[in-house]
Each structure stands twice: as C-alpha cells, then as structure tokens.
C-alpha cells in the first residue's frame, strides 16, 4: 500500500510539473499574440496618420503649384505659397517608415524630400532676390518641378496609406487634378 501511495505522489508531481510548464507556454503564446495585435494596431494608426499628413502636404503642394502659374511672382509670393507646416508625423516616426516596405518607404522619404528641397530653395531665394523684384521663369520652373514631383509622389502614396478603405473619394479628385495639370504642363512645354 505504501508503494501505491509513493507512485501516485510521484505521478502527481510529474503531472503538476507538466501542467505548470504548459501554462507557462500558453502565457507566453498569449502574450506574443497580444503584442502582435498591438503592433498591427499601431501600424494601422501610423499609416492612417502619415496618410493624413501626406494628403495635407500634397494638397498644399498642389495649391502652391497652381499659385506659381501666375505672372509677376515675387519672392514674397513664393514665401507665402511655400509655407508648409512641420511634418510632425514623419519627423517623429522615422523609425517606423521602414515598416511600410522598401518601395513605399522610399516614396515617403522622396515625397518629404521634395518638400524640403522647395523650402530650402525658398530660403536661399530670400537672400538672393531683392524684396519686390520679380522672380525669373527658370526659378519658378525649378520650384514647380519640385512641387509637381511632390504631388505625383503623394498620389502614389495614397493606396498604401489608405487604411480600412479601398479609396478615399478626395484621393480620386486629387489624382484627377494632378493628371489634368500634368497634361496641361506637357501641352505647354510642347509649344
């Protein structure tokens, strides 16, 4: 009888050890799943926020592009047109840009690079052009090229940065406006 109690006691300890080990594994697996869900939710939130910022900057770039087509553009006009807010989402989430994938990450960096080129060019022009003097057509074309490249990059970023929807209706309107501008620009350059 002693022997039966002793065997039952050893088996009970073995079963308790196995159950404890299984519970630890289950806790780790559950924690990893929760972290993956949390990470996926953060990625969606990041894409959504970055998409909103790209749309805002893209629209500002397009509006600036249209305003630069006027005559007698001065440095003050360019300063007013090329006023962009600080890219808060992009600047504070540089470590997450790579999560977009190689192509999309490169497009995001290119997009913000075009905006930075424009802002830097305006800063240089501010010191090179006297106040009130008209800015030359070559300089306007260079600024327009940077703005147009930013608009095209923004259009390319709309699909990967559209979270939870197939297409934002405003994206289609913006894409159409950029295509119309592209066709008009091509027509004018061929004349």
C-alpha atoms as a PDB file:
ATOM      1  CA  UNK A   1       0.000   0.000   0.000  1.00  0.00           C
ATOM      2  CA  UNK A   2       2.916   2.300   0.750  1.00  0.00           C
ATOM      3  CA  UNK A   3       4.271   1.649  -2.703  1.00  0.00           C
ATOM      4  CA  UNK A   4       0.982   2.717  -4.394  1.00  0.00           C
ATOM      5  CA  UNK A   5       0.880   5.982  -2.436  1.00  0.00           C
ATOM      6  CA  UNK A   6       4.501   6.654  -3.304  1.00  0.00           C
ATOM      7  CA  UNK A   7       3.905   6.074  -7.063  1.00  0.00           C
ATOM      8  CA  UNK A   8       0.749   8.254  -7.013  1.00  0.00           C
ATOM      9  CA  UNK A   9       2.706  11.018  -5.265  1.00  0.00           C
ATOM     10  CA  UNK A  10       5.463  10.942  -7.923  1.00  0.00           C
ATOM     11  CA  UNK A  11       2.962  10.924 -10.791  1.00  0.00           C
ATOM     12  CA  UNK A  12       1.056  13.779  -9.183  1.00  0.00           C
ATOM     13  CA  UNK A  13       4.259  15.846  -9.038  1.00  0.00           C
ATOM     14  CA  UNK A  14       5.092  14.974 -12.661  1.00  0.00           C
ATOM     15  CA  UNK A  15       1.599  15.890 -13.859  1.00  0.00           C
ATOM     16  CA  UNK A  16       1.707  19.167 -11.883  1.00  0.00           C
ATOM     17  CA  UNK A  17       5.100  19.967 -13.448  1.00  0.00           C
ATOM     18  CA  UNK A  18       3.820  19.250 -16.951  1.00  0.00           C
ATOM     19  CA  UNK A  19       0.687  21.341 -16.374  1.00  0.00           C
ATOM     20  CA  UNK A  20       2.790  24.198 -14.965  1.00  0.00           C
ATOM     21  CA  UNK A  21       5.109  24.061 -17.988  1.00  0.00           C
ATOM     22  CA  UNK A  22       2.114  24.031 -20.371  1.00  0.00           C
ATOM     23  CA  UNK A  23       0.599  27.021 -18.539  1.00  0.00           C
ATOM     24  CA  UNK A  24       3.866  28.959 -18.896  1.00  0.00           C
ATOM     25  CA  UNK A  25       3.994  28.202 -22.634  1.00  0.00           C
ATOM     26  CA  UNK A  26       0.340  29.231 -23.005  1.00  0.00           C
ATOM     27  CA  UNK A  27       1.046  32.514 -21.174  1.00  0.00           C
ATOM     28  CA  UNK A  28       3.980  33.276 -23.493  1.00  0.00           C
ATOM     29  CA  UNK A  29       1.964  32.443 -26.641  1.00  0.00           C
ATOM     30  CA  UNK A  30      -0.959  34.592 -25.441  1.00  0.00           C
ATOM     31  CA  UNK A  31       1.374  37.499 -24.664  1.00  0.00           C
ATOM     32  CA  UNK A  32       3.042  37.249 -28.090  1.00  0.00           C
ATOM     33  CA  UNK A  33      -0.347  37.251 -29.835  1.00  0.00           C
ATOM     34  CA  UNK A  34      -1.432  40.311 -27.848  1.00  0.00           C
ATOM     35  CA  UNK A  35       1.819  42.086 -28.776  1.00  0.00           C
ATOM     36  CA  UNK A  36       1.302  41.246 -32.458  1.00  0.00           C
ATOM     37  CA  UNK A  37      -2.236  42.647 -32.343  1.00  0.00           C
ATOM     38  CA  UNK A  38      -0.966  45.752 -30.565  1.00  0.00           C
ATOM     39  CA  UNK A  39       1.820  46.179 -33.122  1.00  0.00           C
ATOM     40  CA  UNK A  40      -0.624  45.720 -36.015  1.00  0.00           C
ATOM     41  CA  UNK A  41      -2.956  48.315 -34.489  1.00  0.00           C
ATOM     42  CA  UNK A  42      -0.035  50.744 -34.068  1.00  0.00           C
ATOM     43  CA  UNK A  43       0.994  50.156 -37.693  1.00  0.00           C
ATOM     44  CA  UNK A  44      -2.555  50.903 -38.874  1.00  0.00           C
ATOM     45  CA  UNK A  45      -2.662  54.048 -36.751  1.00  0.00           C
ATOM     46  CA  UNK A  46       0.742  55.143 -38.074  1.00  0.00           C
ATOM     47  CA  UNK A  47      -0.319  54.565 -41.699  1.00  0.00           C
ATOM     48  CA  UNK A  48      -3.539  56.466 -41.110  1.00  0.00           C
ATOM     49  CA  UNK A  49      -1.765  59.440 -39.503  1.00  0.00           C
ATOM     50  CA  UNK A  50       1.019  59.503 -42.109  1.00  0.00           C
ATOM     51  CA  UNK A  51      -1.592  59.236 -44.869  1.00  0.00           C
ATOM     52  CA  UNK A  52      -3.418  62.252 -43.457  1.00  0.00           C
ATOM     53  CA  UNK A  53      -0.183  64.233 -43.306  1.00  0.00           C
ATOM     54  CA  UNK A  54       0.820  63.251 -46.855  1.00  0.00           C
ATOM     55  CA  UNK A  55      -2.641  64.265 -48.097  1.00  0.00           C
ATOM     56  CA  UNK A  56      -2.360  67.629 -46.338  1.00  0.00           C
ATOM     57  CA  UNK A  57       1.126  68.315 -47.693  1.00  0.00           C
ATOM     58  CA  UNK A  58       0.142  67.055 -51.152  1.00  0.00           C
ATOM     59  CA  UNK A  59      -2.805  69.438 -51.258  1.00  0.00           C
ATOM     60  CA  UNK A  60      -0.618  72.329 -50.080  1.00  0.00           C
ATOM     61  CA  UNK A  61       1.945  71.456 -52.763  1.00  0.00           C
ATOM     62  CA  UNK A  62      -0.757  71.376 -55.439  1.00  0.00           C
ATOM     63  CA  UNK A  63      -2.218  74.708 -54.308  1.00  0.00           C
ATOM     64  CA  UNK A  64       1.288  76.227 -54.344  1.00  0.00           C
ATOM     65  CA  UNK A  65       1.888  74.798 -57.802  1.00  0.00           C
ATOM     66  CA  UNK A  66      -1.269  76.432 -59.143  1.00  0.00           C
ATOM     67  CA  UNK A  67      -0.458  79.770 -57.485  1.00  0.00           C
ATOM     68  CA  UNK A  68       3.036  79.773 -59.056  1.00  0.00           C
ATOM     69  CA  UNK A  69       1.490  79.802 -62.529  1.00  0.00           C
ATOM     70  CA  UNK A  70       0.545  83.465 -62.147  1.00  0.00           C
ATOM     71  CA  UNK A  71       2.558  86.310 -63.654  1.00  0.00           C
ATOM     72  CA  UNK A  72       4.898  88.671 -61.817  1.00  0.00           C
ATOM     73  CA  UNK A  73       5.753  86.320 -58.988  1.00  0.00           C
ATOM     74  CA  UNK A  74       7.891  87.977 -56.303  1.00  0.00           C
ATOM     75  CA  UNK A  75       9.871  86.371 -53.502  1.00  0.00           C
ATOM     76  CA  UNK A  76       7.100  87.416 -51.087  1.00  0.00           C
ATOM     77  CA  UNK A  77       4.566  85.485 -53.170  1.00  0.00           C
ATOM     78  CA  UNK A  78       6.823  82.439 -53.161  1.00  0.00           C
ATOM     79  CA  UNK A  79       7.327  82.710 -49.398  1.00  0.00           C
ATOM     80  CA  UNK A  80       3.556  82.787 -48.911  1.00  0.00           C
ATOM     81  CA  UNK A  81       2.979  79.899 -51.331  1.00  0.00           C
ATOM     82  CA  UNK A  82       5.753  77.692 -49.962  1.00  0.00           C
ATOM     83  CA  UNK A  83       4.717  77.821 -46.328  1.00  0.00           C
ATOM     84  CA  UNK A  84       4.386  74.264 -45.072  1.00  0.00           C
ATOM     85  CA  UNK A  85       3.738  73.166 -41.503  1.00  0.00           C
ATOM     86  CA  UNK A  86       6.256  70.999 -39.724  1.00  0.00           C
ATOM     87  CA  UNK A  87       5.910  67.335 -40.777  1.00  0.00           C
ATOM     88  CA  UNK A  88       5.140  66.118 -37.253  1.00  0.00           C
ATOM     89  CA  UNK A  89       4.121  62.530 -38.067  1.00  0.00           C
ATOM     90  CA  UNK A  90       7.000  61.951 -40.472  1.00  0.00           C
ATOM     91  CA  UNK A  91       9.602  63.570 -38.230  1.00  0.00           C
ATOM     92  CA  UNK A  92       8.566  61.788 -35.050  1.00  0.00           C
ATOM     93  CA  UNK A  93       8.119  58.336 -36.614  1.00  0.00           C
ATOM     94  CA  UNK A  94      11.251  57.924 -38.685  1.00  0.00           C
ATOM     95  CA  UNK A  95      11.873  54.569 -37.024  1.00  0.00           C
ATOM     96  CA  UNK A  96       8.553  53.278 -38.392  1.00  0.00           C
ATOM     97  CA  UNK A  97       8.990  54.338 -42.032  1.00  0.00           C
ATOM     98  CA  UNK A  98      10.707  51.031 -42.842  1.00  0.00           C
ATOM     99  CA  UNK A  99       7.579  49.140 -41.776  1.00  0.00           C
ATOM    100  CA  UNK A 100       5.920  50.439 -44.948  1.00  0.00           C
ATOM    101  CA  UNK A 101       8.125  48.224 -47.114  1.00  0.00           C
ATOM    102  CA  UNK A 102      11.059  49.203 -49.303  1.00  0.00           C
ATOM    103  CA  UNK A 103       9.177  50.898 -52.154  1.00  0.00           C
ATOM    104  CA  UNK A 104       6.645  52.784 -50.033  1.00  0.00           C
ATOM    105  CA  UNK A 105       9.285  53.865 -47.507  1.00  0.00           C
ATOM    106  CA  UNK A 106      11.421  55.215 -50.346  1.00  0.00           C
ATOM    107  CA  UNK A 107       8.401  57.077 -51.770  1.00  0.00           C
ATOM    108  CA  UNK A 108       7.621  58.647 -48.366  1.00  0.00           C
ATOM    109  CA  UNK A 109      11.218  59.845 -47.994  1.00  0.00           C
ATOM    110  CA  UNK A 110      11.188  61.133 -51.604  1.00  0.00           C
ATOM    111  CA  UNK A 111       7.909  62.984 -51.016  1.00  0.00           C
ATOM    112  CA  UNK A 112       9.155  64.773 -47.916  1.00  0.00           C
ATOM    113  CA  UNK A 113      12.496  65.353 -49.641  1.00  0.00           C
ATOM    114  CA  UNK A 114      10.745  67.275 -52.413  1.00  0.00           C
ATOM    115  CA  UNK A 115       9.005  69.454 -49.835  1.00  0.00           C
ATOM    116  CA  UNK A 116      12.347  70.045 -48.106  1.00  0.00           C
ATOM    117  CA  UNK A 117      14.007  70.959 -51.434  1.00  0.00           C
ATOM    118  CA  UNK A 118      11.294  73.535 -52.007  1.00  0.00           C
ATOM    119  CA  UNK A 119      11.558  75.054 -48.531  1.00  0.00           C
ATOM    120  CA  UNK A 120      15.377  75.175 -48.777  1.00  0.00           C
ATOM    121  CA  UNK A 121      15.228  76.778 -52.223  1.00  0.00           C
ATOM    122  CA  UNK A 122      12.858  79.455 -50.958  1.00  0.00           C
ATOM    123  CA  UNK A 123      15.205  80.188 -48.051  1.00  0.00           C
ATOM    124  CA  UNK A 124      18.104  80.636 -50.489  1.00  0.00           C
ATOM    125  CA  UNK A 125      15.990  82.774 -52.820  1.00  0.00           C
ATOM    126  CA  UNK A 126      15.008  85.023 -49.929  1.00  0.00           C
ATOM    127  CA  UNK A 127      18.597  86.191 -49.583  1.00  0.00           C
ATOM    128  CA  UNK A 128      19.369  86.245 -53.354  1.00  0.00           C
ATOM    129  CA  UNK A 129      16.368  88.254 -54.616  1.00  0.00           C
ATOM    130  CA  UNK A 130      15.586  91.822 -53.572  1.00  0.00           C
ATOM    131  CA  UNK A 131      12.173  92.344 -51.994  1.00  0.00           C
ATOM    132  CA  UNK A 132       9.518  93.158 -54.561  1.00  0.00           C
ATOM    133  CA  UNK A 133      11.614  92.099 -57.565  1.00  0.00           C
ATOM    134  CA  UNK A 134      10.007  89.537 -59.875  1.00  0.00           C
ATOM    135  CA  UNK A 135      11.470  86.037 -59.754  1.00  0.00           C
ATOM    136  CA  UNK A 136      12.701  84.600 -63.045  1.00  0.00           C
ATOM    137  CA  UNK A 137      10.835  81.938 -65.003  1.00  0.00           C
ATOM    138  CA  UNK A 138      13.701  79.436 -64.580  1.00  0.00           C
ATOM    139  CA  UNK A 139      13.459  79.663 -60.787  1.00  0.00           C
ATOM    140  CA  UNK A 140       9.674  79.340 -60.900  1.00  0.00           C
ATOM    141  CA  UNK A 141      10.032  76.256 -63.121  1.00  0.00           C
ATOM    142  CA  UNK A 142      12.513  74.676 -60.700  1.00  0.00           C
ATOM    143  CA  UNK A 143      10.125  75.259 -57.789  1.00  0.00           C
ATOM    144  CA  UNK A 144       7.223  73.986 -59.875  1.00  0.00           C
ATOM    145  CA  UNK A 145       9.171  70.817 -60.699  1.00  0.00           C
ATOM    146  CA  UNK A 146       9.738  70.083 -57.006  1.00  0.00           C
ATOM    147  CA  UNK A 147       6.082  70.759 -56.214  1.00  0.00           C
ATOM    148  CA  UNK A 148       4.855  68.639 -59.115  1.00  0.00           C
ATOM    149  CA  UNK A 149       7.157  65.772 -58.105  1.00  0.00           C
ATOM    150  CA  UNK A 150       5.766  66.019 -54.563  1.00  0.00           C
ATOM    151  CA  UNK A 151       2.204  65.892 -55.940  1.00  0.00           C
ATOM    152  CA  UNK A 152       2.990  62.804 -58.042  1.00  0.00           C
ATOM    153  CA  UNK A 153       4.655  61.120 -55.055  1.00  0.00           C
ATOM    154  CA  UNK A 154       1.606  61.918 -52.892  1.00  0.00           C
ATOM    155  CA  UNK A 155      -0.703  60.318 -55.457  1.00  0.00           C
ATOM    156  CA  UNK A 156       1.491  57.208 -55.432  1.00  0.00           C
ATOM    157  CA  UNK A 157       1.314  57.039 -51.635  1.00  0.00           C
ATOM    158  CA  UNK A 158      -2.466  57.211 -51.361  1.00  0.00           C
ATOM    159  CA  UNK A 159      -3.134  53.467 -51.869  1.00  0.00           C
ATOM    160  CA  UNK A 160      -0.569  52.128 -49.367  1.00  0.00           C
ATOM    161  CA  UNK A 161      -1.527  54.748 -46.793  1.00  0.00           C
ATOM    162  CA  UNK A 162      -5.283  54.197 -47.136  1.00  0.00           C
ATOM    163  CA  UNK A 163      -6.205  52.303 -44.000  1.00  0.00           C
ATOM    164  CA  UNK A 164      -9.506  50.477 -43.866  1.00  0.00           C
ATOM    165  CA  UNK A 165     -10.868  51.826 -47.137  1.00  0.00           C
ATOM    166  CA  UNK A 166     -10.369  50.960 -50.757  1.00  0.00           C
ATOM    167  CA  UNK A 167     -10.226  54.574 -51.938  1.00  0.00           C
ATOM    168  CA  UNK A 168     -10.741  57.933 -50.293  1.00  0.00           C
ATOM    169  CA  UNK A 169     -13.061  59.961 -52.567  1.00  0.00           C
ATOM    170  CA  UNK A 170     -10.827  63.025 -52.161  1.00  0.00           C
ATOM    171  CA  UNK A 171      -7.854  60.965 -53.375  1.00  0.00           C
ATOM    172  CA  UNK A 172      -9.574  60.416 -56.711  1.00  0.00           C
ATOM    173  CA  UNK A 173     -10.292  64.148 -57.040  1.00  0.00           C
ATOM    174  CA  UNK A 174      -6.668  64.999 -56.193  1.00  0.00           C
ATOM    175  CA  UNK A 175      -5.342  62.362 -58.613  1.00  0.00           C
ATOM    176  CA  UNK A 176      -7.556  63.784 -61.376  1.00  0.00           C
ATOM    177  CA  UNK A 177      -6.362  67.352 -60.671  1.00  0.00           C
ATOM    178  CA  UNK A 178      -2.721  66.242 -60.830  1.00  0.00           C
ATOM    179  CA  UNK A 179      -3.361  64.400 -64.114  1.00  0.00           C
ATOM    180  CA  UNK A 180      -5.061  67.480 -65.606  1.00  0.00           C
ATOM    181  CA  UNK A 181      -2.127  69.638 -64.510  1.00  0.00           C
ATOM    182  CA  UNK A 182       0.318  67.092 -65.962  1.00  0.00           C
ATOM    183  CA  UNK A 183      -1.462  67.125 -69.337  1.00  0.00           C
ATOM    184  CA  UNK A 184      -1.604  70.929 -69.393  1.00  0.00           C
ATOM    185  CA  UNK A 185       2.048  71.166 -68.414  1.00  0.00           C
ATOM    186  CA  UNK A 186       3.012  68.751 -71.171  1.00  0.00           C
ATOM    187  CA  UNK A 187       0.951  70.709 -73.707  1.00  0.00           C
ATOM    188  CA  UNK A 188       2.612  74.000 -72.707  1.00  0.00           C
ATOM    189  CA  UNK A 189       6.116  72.539 -72.879  1.00  0.00           C
ATOM    190  CA  UNK A 190       5.485  71.177 -76.373  1.00  0.00           C
ATOM    191  CA  UNK A 191       4.551  74.634 -77.703  1.00  0.00           C
END
